[in-house]
Protein backbone atom coordinates (compact mmCIF):
# COMPACT_ATOMS: atom_id res chain seq x y z
CA MET A 1 190.75 80.44 40.44
CA GLN A 2 191.75 81.17 36.89
CA VAL A 3 195.28 82.56 35.57
CA PHE A 4 195.59 84.22 32.24
CA ILE A 5 198.68 84.02 30.07
CA GLU A 6 199.54 85.43 26.82
CA LEU A 7 201.26 83.38 24.30
CA PRO A 8 202.18 83.82 20.66
CA ARG A 9 199.55 82.03 18.19
CA ASP A 10 202.47 79.98 16.53
CA VAL A 11 203.04 78.36 19.96
CA PHE A 12 200.04 76.08 19.36
CA SER A 13 200.75 75.04 15.92
CA ALA A 14 204.38 74.50 16.86
CA LEU A 15 203.12 72.08 19.78
CA ARG A 16 200.31 70.72 17.41
CA THR A 17 197.86 71.40 19.92
CA ASP A 18 194.79 73.63 20.45
CA PRO A 19 194.74 76.16 23.61
CA ASP A 20 192.82 73.41 25.61
CA GLY A 21 195.20 70.74 25.01
CA PHE A 22 198.07 73.13 25.57
CA VAL A 23 196.62 74.07 29.03
CA ARG A 24 195.88 70.22 29.85
CA GLU A 25 199.91 69.52 29.07
CA MET A 26 201.03 72.58 30.86
CA ARG A 27 199.26 71.45 33.90
CA ILE A 28 200.57 68.10 33.55
CA ALA A 29 204.15 68.93 32.79
CA ALA A 30 204.27 71.69 35.62
CA ALA A 31 203.02 69.04 38.06
CA VAL A 32 205.37 66.25 36.99
CA LYS A 33 208.33 68.89 37.27
CA TRP A 34 207.41 70.10 40.77
CA TYR A 35 206.82 66.44 41.77
CA GLU A 36 210.35 65.50 40.41
CA THR A 37 212.10 68.40 42.51
CA GLY A 38 210.06 67.43 45.41
CA VAL A 39 207.82 70.39 45.85
CA ILE A 40 204.56 68.34 45.81
CA SER A 41 203.41 65.05 46.74
CA GLN A 42 201.98 62.69 44.09
CA SER A 43 198.57 63.47 45.37
CA LYS A 44 198.97 67.22 44.92
CA GLY A 45 200.36 66.50 41.41
CA ALA A 46 197.48 64.56 40.40
CA GLU A 47 195.06 67.39 41.72
CA ILE A 48 197.16 70.02 39.66
CA ALA A 49 197.24 68.11 36.54
CA GLY A 50 193.61 67.25 37.02
CA LEU A 51 194.40 63.30 36.78
CA SER A 52 193.68 60.58 39.10
CA ARG A 53 196.67 59.58 41.11
CA ALA A 54 197.35 56.22 39.00
CA GLU A 55 197.13 58.66 35.81
CA PHE A 56 199.57 60.75 37.10
CA ILE A 57 201.97 58.02 38.12
CA ASN A 58 201.52 57.08 34.33
CA SER A 59 202.42 60.59 33.41
CA LEU A 60 205.72 60.29 35.64
CA ASN A 61 206.68 57.67 33.39
CA HIS A 62 205.84 59.25 30.27
CA PHE A 63 208.30 61.77 31.50
CA ARG A 64 210.96 59.32 32.77
CA VAL A 65 210.37 60.67 36.09
CA THR A 66 210.63 57.93 38.94
CA PRO A 67 207.58 57.69 41.31
CA PHE A 68 209.61 57.36 44.29
CA GLN A 69 210.79 60.40 46.35
CA TYR A 70 213.63 58.53 48.03
CA THR A 71 216.98 57.55 46.54
CA ALA A 72 218.39 53.86 46.80
CA ASP A 73 220.74 55.16 49.44
CA GLU A 74 218.00 56.96 51.57
CA ILE A 75 215.98 53.56 51.50
CA VAL A 76 218.95 51.70 52.58
CA SER A 77 219.64 54.03 55.27
CA GLU A 78 216.35 53.87 56.79
CA VAL A 79 216.10 50.20 56.59
CA ALA A 80 219.55 49.72 58.22
CA ARG A 81 218.15 52.25 61.32
CA ARG A 82 215.68 49.68 62.12
C-alpha cells in the first residue's frame, strides 16, 4: 500500500535529505515512537521501519529509547510473584 503526503520543498533542505531519505527517516521515527508508547512490538517496529530487528534496536538506541517495554518496578513485581 502507498500513502501520499504533501510537504513544502524546503522541508528537504532543512532536514538535509532528499525525498527518499526523508521517507526512510520518517518510517524509522514513526516506528520508534509507536514502540516507545507501547503501541507496537519490536518486530512490528522493524517491519514498519524496513529494518532487521537488530537494526531497529540500534535505532531505538539512536533515539535514546529503551528496548525494554517493562519498567524496573514491573520486572521486580513479576519476579516477586514467582
